[in-house]
Amino acid sequence: MNLLLLDTHVFLWWRSQPTRISPDVTRAIASAEVVFVSAASAWEASIKAALGKLKLPESFESGVAKSGFQQLPIGFGHASQVSDLPPHHQDPFDRMLIAQARSEGLTLVSHDRRLAPYDVPILWV
């Protein structure tokens, strides 16, 4: 199965700056069986918006729905997996995305090369 989890910036690019995503990755997202967007990404975007670092053209939830993507809630299993991750990257949102991808058998779609050392499939934007 072709199941993807979008990193926060990839989802935001998909909605407002699609040319930042390579044509190959755009096709992979468009043809995936299921594309997930984590609650961690909604949380991260909300914090950045509140700090004035991000302007969302619409609600995060609305953007996910309009894109035809699925919401991925954060569960206790995901949270406990974070403690098993080596400390390659300290960003709590990215660490949650890695834990969710590992736990759910998803390929993470990201631009952040600091995620490369983790044992999870990554589709690079």
PDB file of N, CA and C in Angstrom:
ATOM      1  N   MET A   1       0.828  -1.188   0.000  1.00  0.00           N
ATOM      2  CA  MET A   1       0.000   0.000   0.000  1.00  0.00           C
ATOM      3  C   MET A   1       0.873   1.253   0.000  1.00  0.00           C
ATOM      4  N   ASN A   2       0.404   2.261  -0.673  1.00  0.00           N
ATOM      5  CA  ASN A   2       1.116   3.520  -0.797  1.00  0.00           C
ATOM      6  C   ASN A   2       0.490   4.525   0.169  1.00  0.00           C
ATOM      7  N   LEU A   3       1.009   4.563   1.398  1.00  0.00           N
ATOM      8  CA  LEU A   3       0.467   5.421   2.447  1.00  0.00           C
ATOM      9  C   LEU A   3       1.495   6.473   2.825  1.00  0.00           C
ATOM     10  N   LEU A   4       1.102   7.737   2.748  1.00  0.00           N
ATOM     11  CA  LEU A   4       2.028   8.831   2.991  1.00  0.00           C
ATOM     12  C   LEU A   4       1.598   9.660   4.199  1.00  0.00           C
ATOM     13  N   LEU A   5       2.586  10.237   4.872  1.00  0.00           N
ATOM     14  CA  LEU A   5       2.370  11.205   5.941  1.00  0.00           C
ATOM     15  C   LEU A   5       3.139  12.459   5.566  1.00  0.00           C
ATOM     16  N   LEU A   6       2.436  13.567   5.408  1.00  0.00           N
ATOM     17  CA  LEU A   6       3.085  14.809   5.008  1.00  0.00           C
ATOM     18  C   LEU A   6       3.655  15.540   6.207  1.00  0.00           C
ATOM     19  N   ASP A   7       4.896  15.987   6.083  1.00  0.00           N
ATOM     20  CA  ASP A   7       5.486  16.888   7.067  1.00  0.00           C
ATOM     21  C   ASP A   7       4.704  18.201   6.967  1.00  0.00           C
ATOM     22  N   THR A   8       4.721  18.975   8.022  1.00  0.00           N
ATOM     23  CA  THR A   8       3.924  20.198   8.084  1.00  0.00           C
ATOM     24  C   THR A   8       4.198  21.119   6.904  1.00  0.00           C
ATOM     25  N   HIS A   9       5.477  21.369   6.628  1.00  0.00           N
ATOM     26  CA  HIS A   9       5.795  22.301   5.544  1.00  0.00           C
ATOM     27  C   HIS A   9       5.349  21.774   4.188  1.00  0.00           C
ATOM     28  N   VAL A  10       5.384  20.463   3.990  1.00  0.00           N
ATOM     29  CA  VAL A  10       4.947  19.901   2.712  1.00  0.00           C
ATOM     30  C   VAL A  10       3.443  20.123   2.537  1.00  0.00           C
ATOM     31  N   PHE A  11       2.682  19.912   3.596  1.00  0.00           N
ATOM     32  CA  PHE A  11       1.246  20.174   3.502  1.00  0.00           C
ATOM     33  C   PHE A  11       0.983  21.650   3.200  1.00  0.00           C
ATOM     34  N   LEU A  12       1.685  22.547   3.886  1.00  0.00           N
ATOM     35  CA  LEU A  12       1.481  23.977   3.650  1.00  0.00           C
ATOM     36  C   LEU A  12       1.863  24.355   2.221  1.00  0.00           C
ATOM     37  N   TRP A  13       2.949  23.776   1.708  1.00  0.00           N
ATOM     38  CA  TRP A  13       3.337  24.018   0.315  1.00  0.00           C
ATOM     39  C   TRP A  13       2.269  23.486  -0.635  1.00  0.00           C
ATOM     40  N   TRP A  14       1.734  22.312  -0.338  1.00  0.00           N
ATOM     41  CA  TRP A  14       0.696  21.704  -1.184  1.00  0.00           C
ATOM     42  C   TRP A  14      -0.482  22.671  -1.341  1.00  0.00           C
ATOM     43  N   ARG A  15      -0.836  23.337  -0.241  1.00  0.00           N
ATOM     44  CA  ARG A  15      -1.993  24.233  -0.247  1.00  0.00           C
ATOM     45  C   ARG A  15      -1.688  25.598  -0.869  1.00  0.00           C
ATOM     46  N   SER A  16      -0.470  26.126  -0.648  1.00  0.00           N
ATOM     47  CA  SER A  16      -0.253  27.513  -1.057  1.00  0.00           C
ATOM     48  C   SER A  16       0.938  27.756  -1.979  1.00  0.00           C
ATOM     49  N   GLN A  17       1.875  26.806  -2.040  1.00  0.00           N
ATOM     50  CA  GLN A  17       3.056  26.978  -2.899  1.00  0.00           C
ATOM     51  C   GLN A  17       3.416  25.649  -3.561  1.00  0.00           C
ATOM     52  N   PRO A  18       2.510  25.093  -4.349  1.00  0.00           N
ATOM     53  CA  PRO A  18       2.741  23.755  -4.904  1.00  0.00           C
ATOM     54  C   PRO A  18       3.985  23.626  -5.781  1.00  0.00           C
ATOM     55  N   THR A  19       4.465  24.729  -6.316  1.00  0.00           N
ATOM     56  CA  THR A  19       5.661  24.644  -7.163  1.00  0.00           C
ATOM     57  C   THR A  19       6.920  24.338  -6.346  1.00  0.00           C
ATOM     58  N   ARG A  20       6.842  24.446  -5.023  1.00  0.00           N
ATOM     59  CA  ARG A  20       7.993  24.093  -4.177  1.00  0.00           C
ATOM     60  C   ARG A  20       8.154  22.579  -4.059  1.00  0.00           C
ATOM     61  N   ILE A  21       7.140  21.848  -4.503  1.00  0.00           N
ATOM     62  CA  ILE A  21       7.173  20.381  -4.458  1.00  0.00           C
ATOM     63  C   ILE A  21       7.523  19.878  -5.851  1.00  0.00           C
ATOM     64  N   SER A  22       8.492  18.976  -5.929  1.00  0.00           N
ATOM     65  CA  SER A  22       8.925  18.475  -7.239  1.00  0.00           C
ATOM     66  C   SER A  22       7.771  17.753  -7.950  1.00  0.00           C
ATOM     67  N   PRO A  23       7.804  17.745  -9.283  1.00  0.00           N
ATOM     68  CA  PRO A  23       6.748  17.050 -10.021  1.00  0.00           C
ATOM     69  C   PRO A  23       6.617  15.574  -9.639  1.00  0.00           C
ATOM     70  N   ASP A  24       7.744  14.891  -9.390  1.00  0.00           N
ATOM     71  CA  ASP A  24       7.682  13.481  -9.004  1.00  0.00           C
ATOM     72  C   ASP A  24       6.965  13.291  -7.673  1.00  0.00           C
ATOM     73  N   VAL A  25       7.262  14.161  -6.716  1.00  0.00           N
ATOM     74  CA  VAL A  25       6.623  14.061  -5.408  1.00  0.00           C
ATOM     75  C   VAL A  25       5.154  14.473  -5.508  1.00  0.00           C
ATOM     76  N   THR A  26       4.860  15.472  -6.322  1.00  0.00           N
ATOM     77  CA  THR A  26       3.469  15.866  -6.538  1.00  0.00           C
ATOM     78  C   THR A  26       2.664  14.688  -7.089  1.00  0.00           C
ATOM     79  N   ARG A  27       3.225  13.969  -8.045  1.00  0.00           N
ATOM     80  CA  ARG A  27       2.536  12.790  -8.605  1.00  0.00           C
ATOM     81  C   ARG A  27       2.378  11.701  -7.545  1.00  0.00           C
ATOM     82  N   ALA A  28       3.411  11.510  -6.728  1.00  0.00           N
ATOM     83  CA  ALA A  28       3.327  10.485  -5.673  1.00  0.00           C
ATOM     84  C   ALA A  28       2.222  10.813  -4.674  1.00  0.00           C
ATOM     85  N   ILE A  29       2.111  12.074  -4.303  1.00  0.00           N
ATOM     86  CA  ILE A  29       1.054  12.480  -3.371  1.00  0.00           C
ATOM     87  C   ILE A  29      -0.320  12.309  -4.029  1.00  0.00           C
ATOM     88  N   ALA A  30      -0.438  12.773  -5.258  1.00  0.00           N
ATOM     89  CA  ALA A  30      -1.724  12.707  -5.958  1.00  0.00           C
ATOM     90  C   ALA A  30      -2.179  11.276  -6.211  1.00  0.00           C
ATOM     91  N   SER A  31      -1.240  10.349  -6.352  1.00  0.00           N
ATOM     92  CA  SER A  31      -1.607   8.963  -6.666  1.00  0.00           C
ATOM     93  C   SER A  31      -1.574   8.028  -5.452  1.00  0.00           C
ATOM     94  N   ALA A  32      -1.245   8.544  -4.286  1.00  0.00           N
ATOM     95  CA  ALA A  32      -1.176   7.704  -3.084  1.00  0.00           C
ATOM     96  C   ALA A  32      -2.559   7.170  -2.727  1.00  0.00           C
ATOM     97  N   GLU A  33      -2.564   5.981  -2.134  1.00  0.00           N
ATOM     98  CA  GLU A  33      -3.836   5.405  -1.694  1.00  0.00           C
ATOM     99  C   GLU A  33      -4.443   6.273  -0.598  1.00  0.00           C
ATOM    100  N   VAL A  34      -3.622   6.660   0.366  1.00  0.00           N
ATOM    101  CA  VAL A  34      -4.069   7.539   1.446  1.00  0.00           C
ATOM    102  C   VAL A  34      -2.925   8.481   1.781  1.00  0.00           C
ATOM    103  N   VAL A  35      -3.270   9.746   1.970  1.00  0.00           N
ATOM    104  CA  VAL A  35      -2.310  10.751   2.420  1.00  0.00           C
ATOM    105  C   VAL A  35      -2.808  11.265   3.767  1.00  0.00           C
ATOM    106  N   PHE A  36      -1.940  11.161   4.770  1.00  0.00           N
ATOM    107  CA  PHE A  36      -2.283  11.600   6.111  1.00  0.00           C
ATOM    108  C   PHE A  36      -1.601  12.923   6.433  1.00  0.00           C
ATOM    109  N   VAL A  37      -2.277  13.710   7.261  1.00  0.00           N
ATOM    110  CA  VAL A  37      -1.702  14.911   7.858  1.00  0.00           C
ATOM    111  C   VAL A  37      -1.942  14.768   9.354  1.00  0.00           C
ATOM    112  N   SER A  38      -0.877  14.875  10.115  1.00  0.00           N
ATOM    113  CA  SER A  38      -0.940  14.640  11.554  1.00  0.00           C
ATOM    114  C   SER A  38      -1.542  15.810  12.326  1.00  0.00           C
ATOM    115  N   ALA A  39      -2.182  15.465  13.433  1.00  0.00           N
ATOM    116  CA  ALA A  39      -2.626  16.484  14.381  1.00  0.00           C
ATOM    117  C   ALA A  39      -1.427  17.279  14.886  1.00  0.00           C
ATOM    118  N   ALA A  40      -0.250  16.666  14.908  1.00  0.00           N
ATOM    119  CA  ALA A  40       0.964  17.383  15.310  1.00  0.00           C
ATOM    120  C   ALA A  40       1.244  18.545  14.360  1.00  0.00           C
ATOM    121  N   SER A  41       0.960  18.366  13.078  1.00  0.00           N
ATOM    122  CA  SER A  41       1.166  19.447  12.109  1.00  0.00           C
ATOM    123  C   SER A  41       0.170  20.573  12.327  1.00  0.00           C
ATOM    124  N   ALA A  42      -1.079  20.229  12.630  1.00  0.00           N
ATOM    125  CA  ALA A  42      -2.080  21.260  12.923  1.00  0.00           C
ATOM    126  C   ALA A  42      -1.664  22.047  14.160  1.00  0.00           C
ATOM    127  N   TRP A  43      -1.165  21.348  15.155  1.00  0.00           N
ATOM    128  CA  TRP A  43      -0.712  21.978  16.398  1.00  0.00           C
ATOM    129  C   TRP A  43       0.464  22.916  16.122  1.00  0.00           C
ATOM    130  N   GLU A  44       1.450  22.412  15.365  1.00  0.00           N
ATOM    131  CA  GLU A  44       2.627  23.218  15.031  1.00  0.00           C
ATOM    132  C   GLU A  44       2.224  24.476  14.253  1.00  0.00           C
ATOM    133  N   ALA A  45       1.356  24.325  13.256  1.00  0.00           N
ATOM    134  CA  ALA A  45       0.927  25.460  12.449  1.00  0.00           C
ATOM    135  C   ALA A  45       0.150  26.473  13.292  1.00  0.00           C
ATOM    136  N   SER A  46      -0.660  25.980  14.208  1.00  0.00           N
ATOM    137  CA  SER A  46      -1.425  26.880  15.078  1.00  0.00           C
ATOM    138  C   SER A  46      -0.506  27.701  15.971  1.00  0.00           C
ATOM    139  N   ILE A  47       0.518  27.072  16.500  1.00  0.00           N
ATOM    140  CA  ILE A  47       1.480  27.795  17.335  1.00  0.00           C
ATOM    141  C   ILE A  47       2.199  28.861  16.518  1.00  0.00           C
ATOM    142  N   LYS A  48       2.658  28.482  15.329  1.00  0.00           N
ATOM    143  CA  LYS A  48       3.365  29.453  14.482  1.00  0.00           C
ATOM    144  C   LYS A  48       2.449  30.597  14.051  1.00  0.00           C
ATOM    145  N   ALA A  49       1.188  30.297  13.778  1.00  0.00           N
ATOM    146  CA  ALA A  49       0.232  31.340  13.408  1.00  0.00           C
ATOM    147  C   ALA A  49       0.007  32.288  14.586  1.00  0.00           C
ATOM    148  N   ALA A  50      -0.110  31.745  15.783  1.00  0.00           N
ATOM    149  CA  ALA A  50      -0.325  32.571  16.978  1.00  0.00           C
ATOM    150  C   ALA A  50       0.877  33.479  17.251  1.00  0.00           C
ATOM    151  N   LEU A  51       2.060  33.019  16.891  1.00  0.00           N
ATOM    152  CA  LEU A  51       3.277  33.813  17.086  1.00  0.00           C
ATOM    153  C   LEU A  51       3.524  34.805  15.946  1.00  0.00           C
ATOM    154  N   GLY A  52       2.666  34.769  14.934  1.00  0.00           N
ATOM    155  CA  GLY A  52       2.826  35.656  13.792  1.00  0.00           C
ATOM    156  C   GLY A  52       3.851  35.193  12.780  1.00  0.00           C
ATOM    157  N   LYS A  53       4.301  33.951  12.892  1.00  0.00           N
ATOM    158  CA  LYS A  53       5.313  33.412  11.973  1.00  0.00           C
ATOM    159  C   LYS A  53       4.701  32.728  10.747  1.00  0.00           C
ATOM    160  N   LEU A  54       3.383  32.576  10.757  1.00  0.00           N
ATOM    161  CA  LEU A  54       2.695  31.867   9.684  1.00  0.00           C
ATOM    162  C   LEU A  54       1.307  32.456   9.523  1.00  0.00           C
ATOM    163  N   LYS A  55       0.921  32.689   8.273  1.00  0.00           N
ATOM    164  CA  LYS A  55      -0.440  33.140   7.991  1.00  0.00           C
ATOM    165  C   LYS A  55      -1.130  32.030   7.210  1.00  0.00           C
ATOM    166  N   LEU A  56      -2.162  31.475   7.801  1.00  0.00           N
ATOM    167  CA  LEU A  56      -2.914  30.418   7.140  1.00  0.00           C
ATOM    168  C   LEU A  56      -4.070  31.033   6.347  1.00  0.00           C
ATOM    169  N   PRO A  57      -4.207  30.683   5.060  1.00  0.00           N
ATOM    170  CA  PRO A  57      -5.277  31.260   4.251  1.00  0.00           C
ATOM    171  C   PRO A  57      -6.666  30.713   4.616  1.00  0.00           C
ATOM    172  N   GLU A  58      -6.682  29.609   5.334  1.00  0.00           N
ATOM    173  CA  GLU A  58      -7.924  28.955   5.758  1.00  0.00           C
ATOM    174  C   GLU A  58      -7.597  28.112   6.972  1.00  0.00           C
ATOM    175  N   SER A  59      -8.602  27.540   7.599  1.00  0.00           N
ATOM    176  CA  SER A  59      -8.301  26.690   8.745  1.00  0.00           C
ATOM    177  C   SER A  59      -7.495  25.477   8.281  1.00  0.00           C
ATOM    178  N   PHE A  60      -6.634  25.018   9.149  1.00  0.00           N
ATOM    179  CA  PHE A  60      -5.798  23.852   8.827  1.00  0.00           C
ATOM    180  C   PHE A  60      -6.687  22.661   8.485  1.00  0.00           C
ATOM    181  N   GLU A  61      -7.710  22.440   9.302  1.00  0.00           N
ATOM    182  CA  GLU A  61      -8.626  21.316   9.093  1.00  0.00           C
ATOM    183  C   GLU A  61      -9.328  21.407   7.741  1.00  0.00           C
ATOM    184  N   SER A  62      -9.738  22.597   7.362  1.00  0.00           N
ATOM    185  CA  SER A  62     -10.395  22.796   6.079  1.00  0.00           C
ATOM    186  C   SER A  62      -9.445  22.480   4.928  1.00  0.00           C
ATOM    187  N   GLY A  63      -8.189  22.908   5.059  1.00  0.00           N
ATOM    188  CA  GLY A  63      -7.194  22.627   4.025  1.00  0.00           C
ATOM    189  C   GLY A  63      -6.949  21.134   3.847  1.00  0.00           C
ATOM    190  N   VAL A  64      -6.921  20.408   4.959  1.00  0.00           N
ATOM    191  CA  VAL A  64      -6.742  18.955   4.890  1.00  0.00           C
ATOM    192  C   VAL A  64      -7.929  18.326   4.162  1.00  0.00           C
ATOM    193  N   ALA A  65      -9.134  18.727   4.543  1.00  0.00           N
ATOM    194  CA  ALA A  65     -10.340  18.171   3.920  1.00  0.00           C
ATOM    195  C   ALA A  65     -10.410  18.508   2.432  1.00  0.00           C
ATOM    196  N   LYS A  66     -10.135  19.769   2.078  1.00  0.00           N
ATOM    197  CA  LYS A  66     -10.191  20.185   0.672  1.00  0.00           C
ATOM    198  C   LYS A  66      -9.150  19.468  -0.180  1.00  0.00           C
ATOM    199  N   SER A  67      -8.064  19.048   0.438  1.00  0.00           N
ATOM    200  CA  SER A  67      -7.014  18.326  -0.289  1.00  0.00           C
ATOM    201  C   SER A  67      -7.342  16.851  -0.462  1.00  0.00           C
ATOM    202  N   GLY A  68      -8.355  16.383   0.232  1.00  0.00           N
ATOM    203  CA  GLY A  68      -8.707  14.961   0.169  1.00  0.00           C
ATOM    204  C   GLY A  68      -7.809  14.097   1.036  1.00  0.00           C
ATOM    205  N   PHE A  69      -7.114  14.717   1.985  1.00  0.00           N
ATOM    206  CA  PHE A  69      -6.215  13.998   2.874  1.00  0.00           C
ATOM    207  C   PHE A  69      -6.963  13.568   4.131  1.00  0.00           C
ATOM    208  N   GLN A  70      -6.355  12.667   4.876  1.00  0.00           N
ATOM    209  CA  GLN A  70      -6.952  12.149   6.104  1.00  0.00           C
ATOM    210  C   GLN A  70      -6.224  12.721   7.317  1.00  0.00           C
ATOM    211  N   GLN A  71      -6.989  13.022   8.346  1.00  0.00           N
ATOM    212  CA  GLN A  71      -6.394  13.457   9.602  1.00  0.00           C
ATOM    213  C   GLN A  71      -5.807  12.243  10.319  1.00  0.00           C
ATOM    214  N   LEU A  72      -4.628  12.412  10.906  1.00  0.00           N
ATOM    215  CA  LEU A  72      -4.014  11.360  11.716  1.00  0.00           C
ATOM    216  C   LEU A  72      -3.916  11.868  13.146  1.00  0.00           C
ATOM    217  N   PRO A  73      -4.802  11.367  14.025  1.00  0.00           N
ATOM    218  CA  PRO A  73      -4.742  11.798  15.418  1.00  0.00           C
ATOM    219  C   PRO A  73      -3.481  11.278  16.101  1.00  0.00           C
ATOM    220  N   ILE A  74      -3.117  11.911  17.197  1.00  0.00           N
ATOM    221  CA  ILE A  74      -1.998  11.448  18.018  1.00  0.00           C
ATOM    222  C   ILE A  74      -2.573  10.543  19.102  1.00  0.00           C
ATOM    223  N   GLY A  75      -2.081   9.323  19.144  1.00  0.00           N
ATOM    224  CA  GLY A  75      -2.531   8.376  20.158  1.00  0.00           C
ATOM    225  C   GLY A  75      -1.452   8.131  21.199  1.00  0.00           C
ATOM    226  N   PHE A  76      -1.831   7.447  22.272  1.00  0.00           N
ATOM    227  CA  PHE A  76      -0.880   7.125  23.327  1.00  0.00           C
ATOM    228  C   PHE A  76       0.274   6.276  22.785  1.00  0.00           C
ATOM    229  N   GLY A  77      -0.006   5.380  21.861  1.00  0.00           N
ATOM    230  CA  GLY A  77       1.045   4.563  21.263  1.00  0.00           C
ATOM    231  C   GLY A  77       2.068   5.400  20.523  1.00  0.00           C
ATOM    232  N   HIS A  78       1.576   6.411  19.815  1.00  0.00           N
ATOM    233  CA  HIS A  78       2.493   7.321  19.109  1.00  0.00           C
ATOM    234  C   HIS A  78       3.371   8.064  20.114  1.00  0.00           C
ATOM    235  N   ALA A  79       2.732   8.554  21.169  1.00  0.00           N
ATOM    236  CA  ALA A  79       3.477   9.311  22.183  1.00  0.00           C
ATOM    237  C   ALA A  79       4.552   8.454  22.836  1.00  0.00           C
ATOM    238  N   SER A  80       4.233   7.198  23.124  1.00  0.00           N
ATOM    239  CA  SER A  80       5.234   6.346  23.778  1.00  0.00           C
ATOM    240  C   SER A  80       6.372   5.988  22.824  1.00  0.00           C
ATOM    241  N   GLN A  81       6.103   5.942  21.520  1.00  0.00           N
ATOM    242  CA  GLN A  81       7.152   5.639  20.539  1.00  0.00           C
ATOM    243  C   GLN A  81       8.209   6.740  20.480  1.00  0.00           C
ATOM    244  N   VAL A  82       7.835   7.968  20.803  1.00  0.00           N
ATOM    245  CA  VAL A  82       8.792   9.081  20.764  1.00  0.00           C
ATOM    246  C   VAL A  82       9.976   8.796  21.684  1.00  0.00           C
ATOM    247  N   SER A  83       9.710   8.179  22.821  1.00  0.00           N
ATOM    248  CA  SER A  83      10.802   7.912  23.768  1.00  0.00           C
ATOM    249  C   SER A  83      11.785   6.868  23.247  1.00  0.00           C
ATOM    250  N   ASP A  84      11.366   6.085  22.258  1.00  0.00           N
ATOM    251  CA  ASP A  84      12.250   5.075  21.670  1.00  0.00           C
ATOM    252  C   ASP A  84      13.148   5.633  20.567  1.00  0.00           C
ATOM    253  N   LEU A  85      12.907   6.878  20.169  1.00  0.00           N
ATOM    254  CA  LEU A  85      13.675   7.456  19.065  1.00  0.00           C
ATOM    255  C   LEU A  85      15.032   7.952  19.527  1.00  0.00           C
ATOM    256  N   PRO A  86      16.083   7.681  18.749  1.00  0.00           N
ATOM    257  CA  PRO A  86      17.376   8.274  19.072  1.00  0.00           C
ATOM    258  C   PRO A  86      17.293   9.793  18.919  1.00  0.00           C
ATOM    259  N   PRO A  87      18.151  10.529  19.606  1.00  0.00           N
ATOM    260  CA  PRO A  87      18.059  12.000  19.621  1.00  0.00           C
ATOM    261  C   PRO A  87      18.709  12.688  18.407  1.00  0.00           C
ATOM    262  N   HIS A  88      18.421  12.183  17.211  1.00  0.00           N
ATOM    263  CA  HIS A  88      18.998  12.806  16.012  1.00  0.00           C
ATOM    264  C   HIS A  88      18.454  14.216  15.791  1.00  0.00           C
ATOM    265  N   HIS A  89      17.238  14.437  16.225  1.00  0.00           N
ATOM    266  CA  HIS A  89      16.540  15.687  15.933  1.00  0.00           C
ATOM    267  C   HIS A  89      15.698  16.020  17.162  1.00  0.00           C
ATOM    268  N   GLN A  90      15.758  17.256  17.620  1.00  0.00           N
ATOM    269  CA  GLN A  90      15.088  17.606  18.875  1.00  0.00           C
ATOM    270  C   GLN A  90      13.709  18.236  18.700  1.00  0.00           C
ATOM    271  N   ASP A  91      13.324  18.587  17.485  1.00  0.00           N
ATOM    272  CA  ASP A  91      12.027  19.217  17.276  1.00  0.00           C
ATOM    273  C   ASP A  91      10.906  18.247  17.667  1.00  0.00           C
ATOM    274  N   PRO A  92      10.071  18.612  18.648  1.00  0.00           N
ATOM    275  CA  PRO A  92       9.052  17.674  19.126  1.00  0.00           C
ATOM    276  C   PRO A  92       8.002  17.323  18.066  1.00  0.00           C
ATOM    277  N   PHE A  93       7.688  18.239  17.184  1.00  0.00           N
ATOM    278  CA  PHE A  93       6.702  17.956  16.148  1.00  0.00           C
ATOM    279  C   PHE A  93       7.251  16.949  15.137  1.00  0.00           C
ATOM    280  N   ASP A  94       8.490  17.153  14.714  1.00  0.00           N
ATOM    281  CA  ASP A  94       9.113  16.215  13.775  1.00  0.00           C
ATOM    282  C   ASP A  94       9.299  14.847  14.417  1.00  0.00           C
ATOM    283  N   ARG A  95       9.647  14.820  15.690  1.00  0.00           N
ATOM    284  CA  ARG A  95       9.806  13.535  16.380  1.00  0.00           C
ATOM    285  C   ARG A  95       8.467  12.786  16.440  1.00  0.00           C
ATOM    286  N   MET A  96       7.375  13.509  16.630  1.00  0.00           N
ATOM    287  CA  MET A  96       6.063  12.870  16.628  1.00  0.00           C
ATOM    288  C   MET A  96       5.735  12.320  15.242  1.00  0.00           C
ATOM    289  N   LEU A  97       6.061  13.084  14.200  1.00  0.00           N
ATOM    290  CA  LEU A  97       5.809  12.595  12.841  1.00  0.00           C
ATOM    291  C   LEU A  97       6.600  11.321  12.562  1.00  0.00           C
ATOM    292  N   ILE A  98       7.841  11.276  13.001  1.00  0.00           N
ATOM    293  CA  ILE A  98       8.644  10.064  12.833  1.00  0.00           C
ATOM    294  C   ILE A  98       7.997   8.897  13.581  1.00  0.00           C
ATOM    295  N   ALA A  99       7.595   9.135  14.830  1.00  0.00           N
ATOM    296  CA  ALA A  99       6.957   8.080  15.631  1.00  0.00           C
ATOM    297  C   ALA A  99       5.672   7.593  14.960  1.00  0.00           C
ATOM    298  N   GLN A 100       4.881   8.500  14.432  1.00  0.00           N
ATOM    299  CA  GLN A 100       3.642   8.105  13.767  1.00  0.00           C
ATOM    300  C   GLN A 100       3.933   7.321  12.488  1.00  0.00           C
ATOM    301  N   ALA A 101       4.890   7.773  11.710  1.00  0.00           N
ATOM    302  CA  ALA A 101       5.236   7.058  10.475  1.00  0.00           C
ATOM    303  C   ALA A 101       5.705   5.643  10.792  1.00  0.00           C
ATOM    304  N   ARG A 102       6.551   5.510  11.800  1.00  0.00           N
ATOM    305  CA  ARG A 102       7.037   4.181  12.192  1.00  0.00           C
ATOM    306  C   ARG A 102       5.904   3.300  12.691  1.00  0.00           C
ATOM    307  N   SER A 103       5.092   3.855  13.549  1.00  0.00           N
ATOM    308  CA  SER A 103       4.010   3.105  14.174  1.00  0.00           C
ATOM    309  C   SER A 103       2.956   2.648  13.172  1.00  0.00           C
ATOM    310  N   GLU A 104       2.658   3.506  12.198  1.00  0.00           N
ATOM    311  CA  GLU A 104       1.575   3.232  11.251  1.00  0.00           C
ATOM    312  C   GLU A 104       2.060   2.662   9.921  1.00  0.00           C
ATOM    313  N   GLY A 105       3.371   2.499   9.750  1.00  0.00           N
ATOM    314  CA  GLY A 105       3.901   1.976   8.489  1.00  0.00           C
ATOM    315  C   GLY A 105       3.733   2.943   7.332  1.00  0.00           C
ATOM    316  N   LEU A 106       3.970   4.234   7.592  1.00  0.00           N
ATOM    317  CA  LEU A 106       3.792   5.276   6.583  1.00  0.00           C
ATOM    318  C   LEU A 106       5.134   5.774   6.057  1.00  0.00           C
ATOM    319  N   THR A 107       5.117   6.273   4.851  1.00  0.00           N
ATOM    320  CA  THR A 107       6.271   6.961   4.284  1.00  0.00           C
ATOM    321  C   THR A 107       6.098   8.438   4.569  1.00  0.00           C
ATOM    322  N   LEU A 108       7.089   9.030   5.211  1.00  0.00           N
ATOM    323  CA  LEU A 108       7.055  10.455   5.520  1.00  0.00           C
ATOM    324  C   LEU A 108       7.518  11.244   4.304  1.00  0.00           C
ATOM    325  N   VAL A 109       6.798  12.301   3.972  1.00  0.00           N
ATOM    326  CA  VAL A 109       7.176  13.185   2.867  1.00  0.00           C
ATOM    327  C   VAL A 109       7.711  14.461   3.495  1.00  0.00           C
ATOM    328  N   SER A 110       9.000  14.746   3.267  1.00  0.00           N
ATOM    329  CA  SER A 110       9.631  15.865   3.960  1.00  0.00           C
ATOM    330  C   SER A 110      10.750  16.484   3.132  1.00  0.00           C
ATOM    331  N   HIS A 111      11.141  17.660   3.568  1.00  0.00           N
ATOM    332  CA  HIS A 111      12.272  18.383   3.006  1.00  0.00           C
ATOM    333  C   HIS A 111      13.423  18.431   4.013  1.00  0.00           C
ATOM    334  N   ASP A 112      13.127  18.091   5.252  1.00  0.00           N
ATOM    335  CA  ASP A 112      14.056  18.250   6.375  1.00  0.00           C
ATOM    336  C   ASP A 112      15.054  17.093   6.429  1.00  0.00           C
ATOM    337  N   ARG A 113      16.255  17.329   5.944  1.00  0.00           N
ATOM    338  CA  ARG A 113      17.283  16.279   5.878  1.00  0.00           C
ATOM    339  C   ARG A 113      17.759  15.822   7.254  1.00  0.00           C
ATOM    340  N   ARG A 114      17.435  16.569   8.293  1.00  0.00           N
ATOM    341  CA  ARG A 114      17.805  16.140   9.648  1.00  0.00           C
ATOM    342  C   ARG A 114      17.030  14.886  10.067  1.00  0.00           C
ATOM    343  N   LEU A 115      16.012  14.521   9.298  1.00  0.00           N
ATOM    344  CA  LEU A 115      15.220  13.330   9.606  1.00  0.00           C
ATOM    345  C   LEU A 115      15.820  12.067   8.987  1.00  0.00           C
ATOM    346  N   ALA A 116      16.805  12.227   8.115  1.00  0.00           N
ATOM    347  CA  ALA A 116      17.384  11.094   7.384  1.00  0.00           C
ATOM    348  C   ALA A 116      17.905   9.959   8.270  1.00  0.00           C
ATOM    349  N   PRO A 117      18.504  10.229   9.429  1.00  0.00           N
ATOM    350  CA  PRO A 117      19.050   9.124  10.220  1.00  0.00           C
ATOM    351  C   PRO A 117      18.006   8.189  10.843  1.00  0.00           C
ATOM    352  N   TYR A 118      16.749   8.588  10.835  1.00  0.00           N
ATOM    353  CA  TYR A 118      15.725   7.742  11.454  1.00  0.00           C
ATOM    354  C   TYR A 118      15.364   6.566  10.559  1.00  0.00           C
ATOM    355  N   ASP A 119      14.968   5.505  11.201  1.00  0.00           N
ATOM    356  CA  ASP A 119      14.598   4.270  10.510  1.00  0.00           C
ATOM    357  C   ASP A 119      13.137   4.349  10.058  1.00  0.00           C
ATOM    358  N   VAL A 120      12.904   5.172   9.047  1.00  0.00           N
ATOM    359  CA  VAL A 120      11.564   5.337   8.491  1.00  0.00           C
ATOM    360  C   VAL A 120      11.724   5.710   7.019  1.00  0.00           C
ATOM    361  N   PRO A 121      10.863   5.169   6.162  1.00  0.00           N
ATOM    362  CA  PRO A 121      10.947   5.567   4.747  1.00  0.00           C
ATOM    363  C   PRO A 121      10.583   7.042   4.591  1.00  0.00           C
ATOM    364  N   ILE A 122      11.394   7.753   3.791  1.00  0.00           N
ATOM    365  CA  ILE A 122      11.155   9.172   3.570  1.00  0.00           C
ATOM    366  C   ILE A 122      11.170   9.447   2.071  1.00  0.00           C
ATOM    367  N   LEU A 123      10.168  10.151   1.607  1.00  0.00           N
ATOM    368  CA  LEU A 123      10.115  10.649   0.235  1.00  0.00           C
ATOM    369  C   LEU A 123      10.545  12.104   0.313  1.00  0.00           C
ATOM    370  N   TRP A 124      11.681  12.415  -0.306  1.00  0.00           N
ATOM    371  CA  TRP A 124      12.248  13.771  -0.205  1.00  0.00           C
ATOM    372  C   TRP A 124      11.628  14.694  -1.238  1.00  0.00           C
ATOM    373  N   VAL A 125      11.218  15.869  -0.773  1.00  0.00           N
ATOM    374  CA  VAL A 125      10.589  16.869  -1.645  1.00  0.00           C
ATOM    375  C   VAL A 125      11.664  17.558  -2.469  1.00  0.00           C
TER     376      VAL A 125
END
